[in-house]
Amino acid sequence: MYTNIDIFKIETNHVVPAQGKVLISEPFLCDHVFGRSVILLVDHTHDGTMGLVMNKPLPVCLNDILEGFHCKENIPIYKGGPISMDTLFYLHTLDGIKGALPIDKNFYLNGDFEAIKAYIMQGYPIKGKIRFFLGYSGWEHKQLCQEIHENTWLVSKENIASLMDEEASDELWKKALCKLGGKYEIWSRFPQIPIFN
């Protein structure tokens, strides 16, 4: 049973970051990029960490940014992070795409973009299969571990498929916390700026 003090004490859940795991921001992080964010770690080595913010849709679609690309479906673009915002990244479930980086079972990063475009233009499903991002999130060696130690992030073993299916910004963050249970579920109901409660 949690006391009131325990509930409001923000502390790490002691899960170690790794490729394929997820960062969930603490509820009071006031940052337009990382506040209430859910970040999939696509690379985590001694050299540093790379992640993609899964729940920050941009007000543009794929047709808007690719010259000569005309798809009937409005395919959303997400803000993967503040680094290299002029670069397109894509997370997908398409096995056999040349040059794709395996992230987790049945999930890959990037690869032959012509093959990705061909898949889309042939009318195959997009939702839950491919997600596009502009930019990425990056941490230098030990930087992420320091931020976790400072209780900025929780680390989760979230199912990537569930992240790919969810579109709403705050809802994905809330659901990720609720899956951790206990006091983390209570965090999901905190106002981002407590004074406005």
C-alpha atoms as a PDB file:
ATOM      1  CA  MET A   1       0.000   0.000   0.000  1.00  0.00           C
ATOM      2  CA  TYR A   2       1.299   3.445  -0.940  1.00  0.00           C
ATOM      3  CA  THR A   3       1.270   6.484   1.294  1.00  0.00           C
ATOM      4  CA  ASN A   4       0.589   9.896  -0.232  1.00  0.00           C
ATOM      5  CA  ILE A   5       4.322  10.617  -0.044  1.00  0.00           C
ATOM      6  CA  ASP A   6       5.143   7.389  -1.923  1.00  0.00           C
ATOM      7  CA  ILE A   7       2.667   8.157  -4.702  1.00  0.00           C
ATOM      8  CA  PHE A   8       4.139  11.570  -5.438  1.00  0.00           C
ATOM      9  CA  LYS A   9       7.759  10.444  -5.154  1.00  0.00           C
ATOM     10  CA  ILE A  10       9.146  10.116  -8.659  1.00  0.00           C
ATOM     11  CA  GLU A  11      11.780   7.415  -8.852  1.00  0.00           C
ATOM     12  CA  THR A  12      13.187   4.967 -11.362  1.00  0.00           C
ATOM     13  CA  ASN A  13      11.648   1.516 -11.778  1.00  0.00           C
ATOM     14  CA  HIS A  14      15.179   0.050 -12.101  1.00  0.00           C
ATOM     15  CA  VAL A  15      14.746  -1.424 -15.592  1.00  0.00           C
ATOM     16  CA  VAL A  16      17.971  -1.157 -17.609  1.00  0.00           C
ATOM     17  CA  PRO A  17      17.734   0.642 -20.999  1.00  0.00           C
ATOM     18  CA  ALA A  18      18.390  -1.468 -24.086  1.00  0.00           C
ATOM     19  CA  GLN A  19      17.534  -1.602 -27.766  1.00  0.00           C
ATOM     20  CA  GLY A  20      13.815  -2.319 -28.175  1.00  0.00           C
ATOM     21  CA  LYS A  21      12.866  -0.983 -24.750  1.00  0.00           C
ATOM     22  CA  VAL A  22      10.860   2.174 -24.163  1.00  0.00           C
ATOM     23  CA  LEU A  23      11.392   5.383 -22.209  1.00  0.00           C
ATOM     24  CA  ILE A  24       8.360   6.958 -20.523  1.00  0.00           C
ATOM     25  CA  SER A  25       8.806  10.535 -19.331  1.00  0.00           C
ATOM     26  CA  GLU A  26       7.958  11.482 -15.755  1.00  0.00           C
ATOM     27  CA  PRO A  27       4.643  13.385 -15.521  1.00  0.00           C
ATOM     28  CA  PHE A  28       5.976  16.856 -14.719  1.00  0.00           C
ATOM     29  CA  LEU A  29       8.670  17.088 -17.408  1.00  0.00           C
ATOM     30  CA  CYS A  30       7.960  20.466 -19.029  1.00  0.00           C
ATOM     31  CA  ASP A  31       9.541  20.140 -22.455  1.00  0.00           C
ATOM     32  CA  HIS A  32       7.759  20.584 -25.784  1.00  0.00           C
ATOM     33  CA  VAL A  33       9.596  17.596 -27.276  1.00  0.00           C
ATOM     34  CA  PHE A  34       9.948  15.193 -24.370  1.00  0.00           C
ATOM     35  CA  GLY A  35       7.083  16.156 -22.050  1.00  0.00           C
ATOM     36  CA  ARG A  36       4.683  13.197 -21.750  1.00  0.00           C
ATOM     37  CA  SER A  37       6.651  11.314 -24.366  1.00  0.00           C
ATOM     38  CA  VAL A  38       7.072   7.625 -25.095  1.00  0.00           C
ATOM     39  CA  ILE A  39      10.391   6.883 -26.815  1.00  0.00           C
ATOM     40  CA  LEU A  40      11.378   3.628 -28.477  1.00  0.00           C
ATOM     41  CA  LEU A  41      15.106   2.947 -28.120  1.00  0.00           C
ATOM     42  CA  VAL A  42      16.328   1.848 -31.548  1.00  0.00           C
ATOM     43  CA  ASP A  43      20.018   1.733 -30.610  1.00  0.00           C
ATOM     44  CA  HIS A  44      21.794   1.622 -27.247  1.00  0.00           C
ATOM     45  CA  THR A  45      25.555   1.017 -27.098  1.00  0.00           C
ATOM     46  CA  HIS A  46      28.617   2.274 -25.234  1.00  0.00           C
ATOM     47  CA  ASP A  47      28.818   5.065 -27.817  1.00  0.00           C
ATOM     48  CA  GLY A  48      25.381   6.454 -27.025  1.00  0.00           C
ATOM     49  CA  THR A  49      21.655   5.981 -27.486  1.00  0.00           C
ATOM     50  CA  MET A  50      19.196   6.707 -30.283  1.00  0.00           C
ATOM     51  CA  GLY A  51      15.429   6.764 -29.882  1.00  0.00           C
ATOM     52  CA  LEU A  52      12.234   7.785 -31.670  1.00  0.00           C
ATOM     53  CA  VAL A  53       9.409   9.628 -29.930  1.00  0.00           C
ATOM     54  CA  MET A  54       6.332   7.539 -30.726  1.00  0.00           C
ATOM     55  CA  ASN A  55       3.555   9.919 -29.694  1.00  0.00           C
ATOM     56  CA  LYS A  56       4.252  13.383 -31.119  1.00  0.00           C
ATOM     57  CA  PRO A  57       2.485  13.670 -34.501  1.00  0.00           C
ATOM     58  CA  LEU A  58       3.462  16.559 -36.752  1.00  0.00           C
ATOM     59  CA  PRO A  59       0.934  18.624 -38.756  1.00  0.00           C
ATOM     60  CA  VAL A  60       2.209  17.146 -42.044  1.00  0.00           C
ATOM     61  CA  CYS A  61       1.795  13.879 -43.902  1.00  0.00           C
ATOM     62  CA  LEU A  62       4.135  11.868 -46.116  1.00  0.00           C
ATOM     63  CA  ASN A  63       2.762  13.432 -49.313  1.00  0.00           C
ATOM     64  CA  ASP A  64       3.749  16.874 -47.999  1.00  0.00           C
ATOM     65  CA  ILE A  65       7.439  16.104 -47.629  1.00  0.00           C
ATOM     66  CA  LEU A  66       8.184  13.710 -50.504  1.00  0.00           C
ATOM     67  CA  GLU A  67       8.357  15.374 -53.897  1.00  0.00           C
ATOM     68  CA  GLY A  68       6.584  13.365 -56.564  1.00  0.00           C
ATOM     69  CA  PHE A  69       5.033  10.959 -54.041  1.00  0.00           C
ATOM     70  CA  HIS A  70       1.241  10.817 -54.273  1.00  0.00           C
ATOM     71  CA  CYS A  71      -0.545   8.403 -51.981  1.00  0.00           C
ATOM     72  CA  LYS A  72      -4.330   8.398 -51.525  1.00  0.00           C
ATOM     73  CA  GLU A  73      -3.880   7.808 -47.795  1.00  0.00           C
ATOM     74  CA  ASN A  74      -2.738  10.653 -45.544  1.00  0.00           C
ATOM     75  CA  ILE A  75       0.174   8.924 -43.831  1.00  0.00           C
ATOM     76  CA  PRO A  76       1.123  10.807 -40.647  1.00  0.00           C
ATOM     77  CA  ILE A  77       4.640  11.906 -39.745  1.00  0.00           C
ATOM     78  CA  TYR A  78       5.848  11.953 -36.141  1.00  0.00           C
ATOM     79  CA  LYS A  79       8.530  14.084 -34.536  1.00  0.00           C
ATOM     80  CA  GLY A  80      11.148  11.501 -33.652  1.00  0.00           C
ATOM     81  CA  GLY A  81      13.202  14.037 -31.714  1.00  0.00           C
ATOM     82  CA  PRO A  82      15.080  17.315 -32.020  1.00  0.00           C
ATOM     83  CA  ILE A  83      18.132  15.977 -33.909  1.00  0.00           C
ATOM     84  CA  SER A  84      18.309  15.883 -37.745  1.00  0.00           C
ATOM     85  CA  MET A  85      14.775  17.187 -38.224  1.00  0.00           C
ATOM     86  CA  ASP A  86      15.407  17.259 -41.978  1.00  0.00           C
ATOM     87  CA  THR A  87      15.936  13.484 -42.086  1.00  0.00           C
ATOM     88  CA  LEU A  88      13.165  10.906 -42.506  1.00  0.00           C
ATOM     89  CA  PHE A  89      13.290   7.739 -40.399  1.00  0.00           C
ATOM     90  CA  TYR A  90      10.855   4.857 -40.588  1.00  0.00           C
ATOM     91  CA  LEU A  91      10.027   2.009 -38.237  1.00  0.00           C
ATOM     92  CA  HIS A  92       8.379  -0.994 -39.873  1.00  0.00           C
ATOM     93  CA  THR A  93       7.459  -4.664 -39.711  1.00  0.00           C
ATOM     94  CA  LEU A  94       8.502  -5.526 -43.268  1.00  0.00           C
ATOM     95  CA  ASP A  95      10.878  -8.472 -43.227  1.00  0.00           C
ATOM     96  CA  GLY A  96      13.393  -8.648 -46.052  1.00  0.00           C
ATOM     97  CA  ILE A  97      13.860  -4.908 -46.655  1.00  0.00           C
ATOM     98  CA  LYS A  98      17.490  -4.528 -47.715  1.00  0.00           C
ATOM     99  CA  GLY A  99      19.627  -2.519 -45.290  1.00  0.00           C
ATOM    100  CA  ALA A 100      17.022  -2.446 -42.497  1.00  0.00           C
ATOM    101  CA  LEU A 101      18.303  -2.486 -38.907  1.00  0.00           C
ATOM    102  CA  PRO A 102      16.589  -5.091 -36.676  1.00  0.00           C
ATOM    103  CA  ILE A 103      15.208  -3.446 -33.521  1.00  0.00           C
ATOM    104  CA  ASP A 104      13.212  -6.243 -31.939  1.00  0.00           C
ATOM    105  CA  LYS A 105      11.371  -9.335 -33.103  1.00  0.00           C
ATOM    106  CA  ASN A 106       9.561  -8.389 -36.350  1.00  0.00           C
ATOM    107  CA  PHE A 107      10.485  -4.680 -36.120  1.00  0.00           C
ATOM    108  CA  TYR A 108      13.072  -2.830 -38.196  1.00  0.00           C
ATOM    109  CA  LEU A 109      14.460   0.663 -38.722  1.00  0.00           C
ATOM    110  CA  ASN A 110      14.925   2.206 -42.175  1.00  0.00           C
ATOM    111  CA  GLY A 111      16.278   0.195 -45.101  1.00  0.00           C
ATOM    112  CA  ASP A 112      15.636   0.438 -48.851  1.00  0.00           C
ATOM    113  CA  PHE A 113      13.211   3.351 -49.143  1.00  0.00           C
ATOM    114  CA  GLU A 114      12.190   2.459 -52.699  1.00  0.00           C
ATOM    115  CA  ALA A 115      10.913  -0.887 -51.386  1.00  0.00           C
ATOM    116  CA  ILE A 116       8.979   0.940 -48.647  1.00  0.00           C
ATOM    117  CA  LYS A 117       7.401   3.285 -51.201  1.00  0.00           C
ATOM    118  CA  ALA A 118       6.508   0.356 -53.468  1.00  0.00           C
ATOM    119  CA  TYR A 119       4.778  -1.373 -50.541  1.00  0.00           C
ATOM    120  CA  ILE A 120       2.711   1.756 -49.888  1.00  0.00           C
ATOM    121  CA  MET A 121       1.803   2.405 -53.524  1.00  0.00           C
ATOM    122  CA  GLN A 122       0.618  -1.193 -53.933  1.00  0.00           C
ATOM    123  CA  GLY A 123      -2.049  -0.452 -51.330  1.00  0.00           C
ATOM    124  CA  TYR A 124      -0.802  -2.615 -48.491  1.00  0.00           C
ATOM    125  CA  PRO A 125      -1.793  -1.608 -44.917  1.00  0.00           C
ATOM    126  CA  ILE A 126       0.184   1.179 -43.249  1.00  0.00           C
ATOM    127  CA  LYS A 127      -1.229   1.455 -39.726  1.00  0.00           C
ATOM    128  CA  GLY A 128       0.638  -0.840 -37.373  1.00  0.00           C
ATOM    129  CA  LYS A 129       3.091  -1.709 -40.175  1.00  0.00           C
ATOM    130  CA  ILE A 130       5.075   1.479 -40.891  1.00  0.00           C
ATOM    131  CA  ARG A 131       5.552   4.701 -38.937  1.00  0.00           C
ATOM    132  CA  PHE A 132       7.473   7.692 -40.272  1.00  0.00           C
ATOM    133  CA  PHE A 133       9.470  10.229 -38.266  1.00  0.00           C
ATOM    134  CA  LEU A 134      11.342  13.446 -38.881  1.00  0.00           C
ATOM    135  CA  GLY A 135      14.350  13.664 -36.581  1.00  0.00           C
ATOM    136  CA  TYR A 136      15.453  11.466 -33.724  1.00  0.00           C
ATOM    137  CA  SER A 137      16.358  11.666 -30.045  1.00  0.00           C
ATOM    138  CA  GLY A 138      19.957  11.087 -29.028  1.00  0.00           C
ATOM    139  CA  TRP A 139      22.037  10.749 -25.884  1.00  0.00           C
ATOM    140  CA  GLU A 140      25.803  10.650 -25.516  1.00  0.00           C
ATOM    141  CA  HIS A 141      27.612   7.917 -23.592  1.00  0.00           C
ATOM    142  CA  LYS A 142      26.211   7.717 -20.031  1.00  0.00           C
ATOM    143  CA  GLN A 143      23.903  10.729 -20.611  1.00  0.00           C
ATOM    144  CA  LEU A 144      20.715   8.645 -20.678  1.00  0.00           C
ATOM    145  CA  CYS A 145      21.749   6.636 -17.616  1.00  0.00           C
ATOM    146  CA  GLN A 146      22.310   9.912 -15.777  1.00  0.00           C
ATOM    147  CA  GLU A 147      18.843  11.176 -16.754  1.00  0.00           C
ATOM    148  CA  ILE A 148      17.309   7.890 -15.593  1.00  0.00           C
ATOM    149  CA  HIS A 149      19.215   8.228 -12.312  1.00  0.00           C
ATOM    150  CA  GLU A 150      17.725  11.730 -11.997  1.00  0.00           C
ATOM    151  CA  ASN A 151      14.258  10.147 -12.432  1.00  0.00           C
ATOM    152  CA  THR A 152      13.461  11.864 -15.724  1.00  0.00           C
ATOM    153  CA  TRP A 153      12.578   8.537 -17.362  1.00  0.00           C
ATOM    154  CA  LEU A 154      11.054   5.177 -16.581  1.00  0.00           C
ATOM    155  CA  VAL A 155      12.238   2.267 -18.723  1.00  0.00           C
ATOM    156  CA  SER A 156       9.623  -0.224 -19.910  1.00  0.00           C
ATOM    157  CA  LYS A 157       9.501  -3.497 -21.844  1.00  0.00           C
ATOM    158  CA  GLU A 158       6.489  -2.167 -23.756  1.00  0.00           C
ATOM    159  CA  ASN A 159       5.202  -4.203 -26.697  1.00  0.00           C
ATOM    160  CA  ILE A 160       6.285  -2.328 -29.836  1.00  0.00           C
ATOM    161  CA  ALA A 161       3.190  -3.472 -31.746  1.00  0.00           C
ATOM    162  CA  SER A 162       0.966  -1.633 -29.278  1.00  0.00           C
ATOM    163  CA  LEU A 163       3.022   1.537 -29.801  1.00  0.00           C
ATOM    164  CA  MET A 164       2.595   1.280 -33.560  1.00  0.00           C
ATOM    165  CA  ASP A 165      -1.187   0.933 -33.285  1.00  0.00           C
ATOM    166  CA  GLU A 166      -1.779   3.936 -31.006  1.00  0.00           C
ATOM    167  CA  GLU A 167      -1.921   7.400 -32.576  1.00  0.00           C
ATOM    168  CA  ALA A 168      -3.123   9.840 -29.892  1.00  0.00           C
ATOM    169  CA  SER A 169      -0.340  11.771 -28.163  1.00  0.00           C
ATOM    170  CA  ASP A 170      -1.286  11.826 -24.483  1.00  0.00           C
ATOM    171  CA  GLU A 171      -3.232   8.569 -24.637  1.00  0.00           C
ATOM    172  CA  LEU A 172      -0.171   6.525 -25.552  1.00  0.00           C
ATOM    173  CA  TRP A 173       1.769   8.027 -22.623  1.00  0.00           C
ATOM    174  CA  LYS A 174      -1.102   7.312 -20.215  1.00  0.00           C
ATOM    175  CA  LYS A 175      -1.535   3.740 -21.431  1.00  0.00           C
ATOM    176  CA  ALA A 176       2.192   3.051 -21.112  1.00  0.00           C
ATOM    177  CA  LEU A 177       2.123   4.198 -17.479  1.00  0.00           C
ATOM    178  CA  CYS A 178      -1.055   2.261 -16.693  1.00  0.00           C
ATOM    179  CA  LYS A 179       0.557  -0.960 -17.940  1.00  0.00           C
ATOM    180  CA  LEU A 180       3.276  -0.532 -15.301  1.00  0.00           C
ATOM    181  CA  GLY A 181       0.546  -0.563 -12.634  1.00  0.00           C
ATOM    182  CA  GLY A 182       0.769   0.608  -9.020  1.00  0.00           C
ATOM    183  CA  LYS A 183       1.603   4.231  -8.440  1.00  0.00           C
ATOM    184  CA  TYR A 184       2.596   4.658 -12.093  1.00  0.00           C
ATOM    185  CA  GLU A 185      -1.058   4.251 -13.062  1.00  0.00           C
ATOM    186  CA  ILE A 186      -1.839   7.124 -10.675  1.00  0.00           C
ATOM    187  CA  TRP A 187       0.843   9.250 -12.366  1.00  0.00           C
ATOM    188  CA  SER A 188      -1.102   8.976 -15.618  1.00  0.00           C
ATOM    189  CA  ARG A 189      -3.832  11.123 -14.074  1.00  0.00           C
ATOM    190  CA  PHE A 190      -1.505  13.912 -12.886  1.00  0.00           C
ATOM    191  CA  PRO A 191      -1.914  17.295 -14.614  1.00  0.00           C
ATOM    192  CA  GLN A 192       1.294  18.243 -16.425  1.00  0.00           C
ATOM    193  CA  ILE A 193       1.316  21.591 -14.604  1.00  0.00           C
ATOM    194  CA  PRO A 194      -0.031  20.851 -11.080  1.00  0.00           C
ATOM    195  CA  ILE A 195      -0.986  24.487 -10.401  1.00  0.00           C
ATOM    196  CA  PHE A 196      -3.660  24.150 -13.126  1.00  0.00           C
ATOM    197  CA  ASN A 197      -5.350  21.219 -11.400  1.00  0.00           C
END
